[in-house]
């Protein structure tokens, strides 16, 4: 077991080093062009910390001020350039997320090849690693992913401390943490006293989210605004009902998330035994993951084609790791041949060669 653990950590180290050497590294201006336009707000928050930004910020970005504000204060104390600090924290968060994925894989005693394929699925997904390394200003997404995985780990182990730490991190990162609150409320309705979180603790969870949201709301109201909270939230939650777009654009919009999820689907088809055997033994964490994934994927869809655009790939990918964890908990590998494994790894290697976020440009001609 110790030898296998060593092999896993050596493998993940080599994988991450390979990604770092082949990744694109955008400067500030490039990051705003290639998918990181939200970074304007986060950079301004950091630059002005410990004071309030003096330029107009979108309220929905200003409400997520905490981690950018913290990085700004660390920059002032250490004299490390802000953009570099964002990149350093990006590396730390990717390593931390990998750690929690390995925790799940080892807990459910998965075969070595299952662990390797799962780690490759996450790390070679350009929308899980490469995008954030290239665009470090969108670091709040990584904090959100880490918080959500910690919450899932807390529910899986019935560890309230881990659950609440994850909830706090996710809530500080994005308002989408409301998906965690809704999910545990739904589980409580279904499981009643069997759920390890009591009714009072559900109320505490909701209060934690509300207090963190109000803290962000106050920060956003103190700063300069160029759009009202009401307007931005109406678009984010009901944009799909306010726009008039062609069927062609809607179809392309629906296809975009498959740029992130296709290898995960292929992994299920190629390697996963279809008999689900542990679902009833892990009802709470399974229901949580299903509710949570449904909610986070629904949000960019409800924002609509014009509001979400290609960001639907990144936003729907918040569900990628929870779905991978769901497969880890409930399924085992089929009998497989080395040729199939080799073919799948080749597909993953091609998949990670994103023409924008990696140094490889041979897929440039099929961008759409």
Protein backbone atom coordinates (compact mmCIF):
# COMPACT_ATOMS: atom_id res chain seq x y z
CA UNK A 1 0.00 0.00 0.00
CA UNK A 2 2.84 2.41 0.85
CA UNK A 3 4.50 1.60 -2.48
CA UNK A 4 1.22 2.26 -4.31
CA UNK A 5 0.77 5.56 -2.46
CA UNK A 6 4.26 6.63 -3.48
CA UNK A 7 3.54 5.75 -7.10
CA UNK A 8 0.32 7.81 -7.00
CA UNK A 9 2.06 10.90 -5.62
CA UNK A 10 4.98 10.59 -8.03
CA UNK A 11 2.51 10.19 -10.90
CA UNK A 12 0.49 13.27 -9.95
CA UNK A 13 3.69 15.28 -9.49
CA UNK A 14 4.93 14.33 -12.99
CA UNK A 15 1.50 15.10 -14.47
CA UNK A 16 1.33 18.56 -12.88
CA UNK A 17 4.91 19.37 -13.92
CA UNK A 18 4.07 18.37 -17.51
CA UNK A 19 1.00 20.64 -17.42
CA UNK A 20 3.01 23.55 -16.04
CA UNK A 21 5.67 23.24 -18.74
CA UNK A 22 3.11 23.04 -21.56
CA UNK A 23 0.56 25.59 -20.33
CA UNK A 24 -0.14 29.05 -21.68
CA UNK A 25 0.67 31.89 -19.29
CA UNK A 26 -1.33 35.03 -20.03
CA UNK A 27 -0.35 38.44 -18.78
CA UNK A 28 -3.03 40.69 -17.29
CA UNK A 29 -4.27 42.10 -20.62
CA UNK A 30 -4.30 38.68 -22.33
CA UNK A 31 -6.24 37.10 -19.48
CA UNK A 32 -9.03 39.65 -19.93
CA UNK A 33 -9.29 38.68 -23.61
CA UNK A 34 -9.12 34.90 -23.28
CA UNK A 35 -11.93 34.12 -20.86
CA UNK A 36 -10.88 36.09 -17.80
CA UNK A 37 -12.76 39.38 -18.17
CA UNK A 38 -14.17 38.98 -14.63
CA UNK A 39 -10.56 39.41 -13.52
CA UNK A 40 -10.84 43.18 -13.94
CA UNK A 41 -12.97 43.30 -10.81
CA UNK A 42 -10.87 40.83 -8.82
CA UNK A 43 -7.61 42.59 -9.70
CA UNK A 44 -9.02 46.00 -8.73
CA UNK A 45 -10.23 44.60 -5.41
CA UNK A 46 -6.72 43.26 -4.69
CA UNK A 47 -4.97 46.40 -5.88
CA UNK A 48 -7.03 48.67 -3.61
CA UNK A 49 -6.99 46.43 -0.49
CA UNK A 50 -7.25 47.18 2.40
CA UNK A 51 -9.42 49.98 0.97
CA UNK A 52 -12.40 49.82 -1.39
CA UNK A 53 -12.03 49.83 -5.17
CA UNK A 54 -12.42 53.32 -6.66
CA UNK A 55 -13.64 52.15 -10.09
CA UNK A 56 -17.08 50.69 -10.92
CA UNK A 57 -17.34 46.94 -10.31
CA UNK A 58 -20.14 44.57 -11.22
CA UNK A 59 -22.00 43.90 -7.96
CA UNK A 60 -21.95 40.13 -8.49
CA UNK A 61 -18.12 40.24 -8.70
CA UNK A 62 -17.69 42.68 -5.82
CA UNK A 63 -19.75 40.36 -3.60
CA UNK A 64 -17.00 37.74 -4.08
CA UNK A 65 -14.36 40.16 -2.81
CA UNK A 66 -12.94 38.12 0.09
CA UNK A 67 -10.14 36.04 -1.47
CA UNK A 68 -9.06 38.79 -3.90
CA UNK A 69 -9.05 41.25 -0.99
CA UNK A 70 -6.98 38.82 1.09
CA UNK A 71 -4.46 38.35 -1.74
CA UNK A 72 -4.19 42.14 -2.02
CA UNK A 73 -3.36 42.45 1.69
CA UNK A 74 -0.78 39.63 1.44
CA UNK A 75 0.75 41.44 -1.54
CA UNK A 76 1.05 44.65 0.48
CA UNK A 77 2.71 42.80 3.37
CA UNK A 78 5.09 40.61 1.33
CA UNK A 79 5.69 43.03 -1.58
CA UNK A 80 4.97 40.13 -3.98
CA UNK A 81 3.29 41.37 -7.16
CA UNK A 82 -0.49 40.80 -7.12
CA UNK A 83 -0.75 38.88 -10.39
CA UNK A 84 2.10 36.57 -9.32
CA UNK A 85 0.33 35.90 -6.01
CA UNK A 86 -2.85 34.93 -7.84
CA UNK A 87 -0.79 32.44 -9.86
CA UNK A 88 0.94 31.01 -6.75
CA UNK A 89 -2.41 30.48 -5.01
CA UNK A 90 -3.76 28.86 -8.19
CA UNK A 91 -1.02 26.20 -8.01
CA UNK A 92 -1.68 25.63 -4.30
CA UNK A 93 -5.42 25.20 -4.88
CA UNK A 94 -4.97 22.74 -7.76
CA UNK A 95 -2.70 20.64 -5.54
CA UNK A 96 -5.23 20.83 -2.67
CA UNK A 97 -8.10 19.72 -4.93
CA UNK A 98 -5.99 16.79 -6.15
CA UNK A 99 -5.38 15.82 -2.53
CA UNK A 100 -9.11 15.58 -1.80
CA UNK A 101 -9.70 13.58 -4.97
CA UNK A 102 -7.01 11.11 -3.89
CA UNK A 103 -8.65 10.92 -0.43
CA UNK A 104 -11.90 9.75 -2.04
CA UNK A 105 -10.16 7.31 -4.37
CA UNK A 106 -8.19 5.71 -1.54
CA UNK A 107 -11.14 5.59 0.87
CA UNK A 108 -13.13 3.49 -1.57
CA UNK A 109 -10.12 1.25 -2.17
CA UNK A 110 -9.98 1.76 -5.90
CA UNK A 111 -7.54 -0.14 -8.07
CA UNK A 112 -4.37 1.65 -9.05
CA UNK A 113 -5.46 2.03 -12.67
CA UNK A 114 -8.81 3.56 -11.58
CA UNK A 115 -6.92 6.13 -9.49
CA UNK A 116 -4.57 6.98 -12.36
CA UNK A 117 -7.40 7.40 -14.86
CA UNK A 118 -9.42 9.54 -12.42
CA UNK A 119 -6.45 11.81 -11.75
CA UNK A 120 -5.81 12.16 -15.47
CA UNK A 121 -9.47 12.94 -16.10
CA UNK A 122 -9.31 15.86 -13.69
CA UNK A 123 -5.85 17.23 -14.41
CA UNK A 124 -5.91 16.89 -18.20
CA UNK A 125 -9.27 18.64 -18.37
CA UNK A 126 -8.23 22.08 -19.68
CA UNK A 127 -11.21 23.68 -17.93
CA UNK A 128 -10.15 22.30 -14.52
CA UNK A 129 -6.43 23.13 -14.58
CA UNK A 130 -5.07 24.81 -17.71
CA UNK A 131 -7.68 27.59 -17.82
CA UNK A 132 -6.90 28.71 -14.26
CA UNK A 133 -3.14 28.48 -14.69
CA UNK A 134 -3.45 30.67 -17.80
CA UNK A 135 -6.04 32.98 -16.17
CA UNK A 136 -5.11 33.09 -12.46
CA UNK A 137 -7.39 36.06 -11.72
CA UNK A 138 -10.43 33.72 -11.87
CA UNK A 139 -9.14 32.06 -8.70
CA UNK A 140 -12.50 32.34 -6.90
CA UNK A 141 -13.67 29.39 -9.05
CA UNK A 142 -10.91 27.18 -7.64
CA UNK A 143 -11.77 28.20 -4.08
CA UNK A 144 -15.38 27.32 -4.86
CA UNK A 145 -14.42 23.90 -6.26
CA UNK A 146 -12.23 23.22 -3.21
CA UNK A 147 -14.99 24.28 -0.80
CA UNK A 148 -17.60 22.14 -2.52
CA UNK A 149 -15.33 19.07 -2.50
CA UNK A 150 -14.58 19.60 1.20
CA UNK A 151 -18.33 19.79 1.87
CA UNK A 152 -18.89 16.54 -0.03
CA UNK A 153 -16.07 14.96 1.98
CA UNK A 154 -17.71 16.15 5.20
CA UNK A 155 -21.06 14.62 4.25
CA UNK A 156 -19.41 11.40 3.09
CA UNK A 157 -17.59 11.01 6.41
CA UNK A 158 -20.40 12.53 8.49
CA UNK A 159 -17.84 15.08 9.65
CA UNK A 160 -19.61 18.35 10.46
CA UNK A 161 -16.37 20.29 10.88
CA UNK A 162 -15.19 19.45 7.36
CA UNK A 163 -18.64 20.19 5.95
CA UNK A 164 -18.79 23.64 7.54
CA UNK A 165 -15.23 24.56 6.53
CA UNK A 166 -16.11 23.63 2.96
CA UNK A 167 -19.36 25.60 3.13
CA UNK A 168 -17.56 28.71 4.39
CA UNK A 169 -14.87 28.52 1.67
CA UNK A 170 -17.44 27.94 -1.09
CA UNK A 171 -19.70 30.74 0.21
CA UNK A 172 -16.81 33.22 0.35
CA UNK A 173 -15.87 32.27 -3.22
CA UNK A 174 -19.20 32.34 -5.07
CA UNK A 175 -22.89 32.92 -4.48
CA UNK A 176 -23.38 29.54 -6.17
CA UNK A 177 -22.74 28.02 -2.73
CA UNK A 178 -26.49 28.35 -2.27
CA UNK A 179 -26.54 25.02 -4.17
CA UNK A 180 -24.92 23.41 -1.11
CA UNK A 181 -27.61 24.83 1.19
CA UNK A 182 -30.50 23.78 -1.06
CA UNK A 183 -29.02 20.29 -1.44
CA UNK A 184 -28.73 19.61 2.30
CA UNK A 185 -32.26 20.95 2.87
CA UNK A 186 -33.58 18.54 0.24
CA UNK A 187 -31.70 15.64 1.84
CA UNK A 188 -33.14 16.58 5.24
CA UNK A 189 -36.65 16.47 3.80
CA UNK A 190 -35.98 13.02 2.30
CA UNK A 191 -33.95 11.47 5.12
CA UNK A 192 -35.37 13.32 8.14
CA UNK A 193 -33.66 12.13 11.36
CA UNK A 194 -31.36 9.77 9.44
CA UNK A 195 -29.40 12.74 8.06
CA UNK A 196 -26.44 13.49 10.33
CA UNK A 197 -27.07 17.26 10.18
CA UNK A 198 -29.87 18.32 12.54
CA UNK A 199 -32.62 20.86 11.79
CA UNK A 200 -30.86 23.42 13.98
CA UNK A 201 -27.59 22.84 12.13
CA UNK A 202 -29.43 23.34 8.84
CA UNK A 203 -30.48 26.75 10.11
CA UNK A 204 -26.85 27.45 11.14
CA UNK A 205 -25.74 26.50 7.63
CA UNK A 206 -28.23 28.89 6.07
CA UNK A 207 -27.20 31.67 8.49
CA UNK A 208 -23.53 31.14 7.61
CA UNK A 209 -24.31 31.54 3.93
CA UNK A 210 -26.53 34.60 4.53
CA UNK A 211 -23.96 36.34 6.75
CA UNK A 212 -21.18 35.75 4.23
CA UNK A 213 -23.43 36.97 1.42
CA UNK A 214 -24.37 40.09 3.38
CA UNK A 215 -20.68 40.81 4.02
CA UNK A 216 -20.08 40.72 0.25
CA UNK A 217 -23.24 42.73 -0.39
CA UNK A 218 -22.08 45.50 1.96
CA UNK A 219 -18.66 45.61 0.27
CA UNK A 220 -20.31 45.88 -3.16
CA UNK A 221 -22.67 48.67 -1.98
CA UNK A 222 -19.83 50.73 -0.47
CA UNK A 223 -17.89 50.62 -3.74
CA UNK A 224 -18.73 52.29 -7.04
CA UNK A 225 -21.42 50.50 -9.09
CA UNK A 226 -22.30 50.70 -12.77
CA UNK A 227 -25.34 48.40 -12.59
CA UNK A 228 -27.86 47.57 -9.87
CA UNK A 229 -27.96 44.28 -7.95
CA UNK A 230 -31.52 43.70 -9.12
CA UNK A 231 -30.65 44.03 -12.80
CA UNK A 232 -27.63 41.72 -12.63
CA UNK A 233 -29.46 39.02 -10.66
CA UNK A 234 -32.48 39.11 -12.96
CA UNK A 235 -30.19 38.41 -15.91
CA UNK A 236 -28.22 35.70 -14.08
CA UNK A 237 -31.29 33.73 -13.00
CA UNK A 238 -33.86 34.57 -15.68
CA UNK A 239 -31.80 35.62 -18.70
CA UNK A 240 -32.97 32.65 -20.75
CA UNK A 241 -36.55 33.95 -20.57
CA UNK A 242 -35.58 37.47 -21.70
CA UNK A 243 -33.54 36.75 -24.80
CA UNK A 244 -34.45 35.97 -28.38
CA UNK A 245 -31.77 33.82 -30.00
CA UNK A 246 -31.73 31.43 -32.93
CA UNK A 247 -32.07 27.66 -32.62
CA UNK A 248 -28.56 27.32 -34.04
CA UNK A 249 -27.08 29.40 -31.20
CA UNK A 250 -29.04 27.41 -28.61
CA UNK A 251 -27.75 24.10 -30.01
CA UNK A 252 -24.14 25.32 -29.96
CA UNK A 253 -24.71 26.66 -26.44
CA UNK A 254 -25.87 23.20 -25.28
CA UNK A 255 -22.93 21.49 -27.03
CA UNK A 256 -20.21 23.63 -25.43
CA UNK A 257 -20.20 21.85 -22.01
CA UNK A 258 -19.36 18.59 -23.77
CA UNK A 259 -15.91 20.06 -24.48
CA UNK A 260 -15.35 19.51 -20.76
CA UNK A 261 -17.53 16.46 -20.05
CA UNK A 262 -17.03 14.23 -23.12
CA UNK A 263 -13.98 12.30 -21.77
CA UNK A 264 -15.84 11.70 -18.50
CA UNK A 265 -18.73 10.21 -20.48
CA UNK A 266 -16.26 8.15 -22.50
CA UNK A 267 -14.64 6.95 -19.25
CA UNK A 268 -18.04 5.72 -18.06
CA UNK A 269 -18.72 3.91 -21.35
CA UNK A 270 -15.26 2.35 -21.63
CA UNK A 271 -14.47 1.30 -18.09
CA UNK A 272 -17.31 1.52 -15.60
CA UNK A 273 -19.41 -1.51 -14.62
CA UNK A 274 -23.04 -0.53 -15.05
CA UNK A 275 -24.24 -2.26 -11.90
CA UNK A 276 -24.41 0.39 -9.21
CA UNK A 277 -23.87 -1.37 -5.91
CA UNK A 278 -23.09 1.17 -3.19
CA UNK A 279 -25.83 3.74 -3.78
CA UNK A 280 -27.99 2.72 -0.80
CA UNK A 281 -24.96 2.53 1.46
CA UNK A 282 -24.08 6.15 0.67
CA UNK A 283 -27.49 7.71 0.14
CA UNK A 284 -26.76 11.07 1.72
CA UNK A 285 -23.59 11.89 -0.19
CA UNK A 286 -25.08 10.47 -3.41
CA UNK A 287 -28.21 12.59 -3.17
CA UNK A 288 -26.12 15.61 -2.25
CA UNK A 289 -23.89 15.23 -5.32
CA UNK A 290 -26.88 14.71 -7.63
CA UNK A 291 -28.80 17.74 -6.30
CA UNK A 292 -25.68 19.89 -6.22
CA UNK A 293 -24.64 19.02 -9.79
CA UNK A 294 -28.15 19.62 -11.11
CA UNK A 295 -28.22 23.08 -9.52
CA UNK A 296 -24.76 24.27 -10.60
CA UNK A 297 -25.31 23.09 -14.18
CA UNK A 298 -28.76 24.71 -14.30
CA UNK A 299 -27.46 28.16 -13.27
CA UNK A 300 -25.53 29.06 -16.47
CA UNK A 301 -28.35 27.57 -18.55
CA UNK A 302 -30.91 29.84 -16.87
CA UNK A 303 -28.57 32.80 -17.43
CA UNK A 304 -29.07 32.18 -21.12
CA UNK A 305 -27.01 32.18 -24.28
CA UNK A 306 -26.20 35.89 -24.30
CA UNK A 307 -25.25 36.13 -20.63
CA UNK A 308 -23.37 32.86 -20.15
CA UNK A 309 -21.94 32.42 -23.65
CA UNK A 310 -18.90 30.16 -23.67
CA UNK A 311 -18.67 30.59 -19.89
CA UNK A 312 -21.20 27.77 -19.71
CA UNK A 313 -18.22 25.42 -20.21
CA UNK A 314 -16.39 26.76 -17.16
CA UNK A 315 -19.48 27.18 -14.97
CA UNK A 316 -20.99 23.77 -15.72
CA UNK A 317 -17.55 22.25 -15.05
CA UNK A 318 -18.05 22.96 -11.35
CA UNK A 319 -19.97 19.66 -11.48
CA UNK A 320 -17.14 17.73 -13.15
CA UNK A 321 -15.26 16.66 -10.02
CA UNK A 322 -18.42 15.88 -7.97
CA UNK A 323 -19.59 13.60 -10.81
CA UNK A 324 -16.18 11.91 -10.89
CA UNK A 325 -16.43 11.42 -7.12
CA UNK A 326 -19.95 9.98 -7.58
CA UNK A 327 -18.49 7.39 -9.98
CA UNK A 328 -15.72 6.65 -7.49
CA UNK A 329 -18.17 6.00 -4.66
CA UNK A 330 -20.67 3.87 -6.58
CA UNK A 331 -18.92 1.97 -9.36
CA UNK A 332 -15.99 -0.30 -10.11
CA UNK A 333 -13.98 -0.83 -13.27
CA UNK A 334 -14.89 -3.40 -15.89
CA UNK A 335 -12.38 -5.96 -17.00
CA UNK A 336 -10.26 -4.00 -19.44
CA UNK A 337 -7.53 -4.44 -21.98
CA UNK A 338 -4.31 -2.45 -22.02
CA UNK A 339 -5.05 -1.32 -25.58
CA UNK A 340 -8.28 0.36 -24.45
CA UNK A 341 -6.44 2.11 -21.59
CA UNK A 342 -3.74 3.29 -24.01
CA UNK A 343 -6.37 4.61 -26.45
CA UNK A 344 -8.20 6.44 -23.67
CA UNK A 345 -5.01 8.08 -22.39
CA UNK A 346 -4.18 9.20 -25.94
CA UNK A 347 -7.65 10.81 -26.12
CA UNK A 348 -7.00 12.58 -22.80
CA UNK A 349 -3.62 13.84 -24.03
CA UNK A 350 -5.22 15.23 -27.20
CA UNK A 351 -8.06 16.69 -25.10
CA UNK A 352 -5.66 18.63 -22.87
CA UNK A 353 -3.99 20.28 -25.89
CA UNK A 354 -6.43 23.18 -25.80
CA UNK A 355 -5.21 25.64 -28.46
CA UNK A 356 -5.79 28.66 -26.21
CA UNK A 357 -4.70 27.36 -22.81
CA UNK A 358 -1.77 25.16 -23.86
CA UNK A 359 1.30 25.61 -26.04
CA UNK A 360 -0.09 23.09 -28.56
CA UNK A 361 -1.87 24.69 -31.52
CA UNK A 362 -2.72 21.73 -33.78
CA UNK A 363 -6.41 21.88 -32.73
CA UNK A 364 -6.71 25.55 -33.66
CA UNK A 365 -8.54 24.78 -36.92
CA UNK A 366 -11.50 23.08 -35.19
CA UNK A 367 -12.33 25.92 -32.79
CA UNK A 368 -15.92 27.15 -33.01
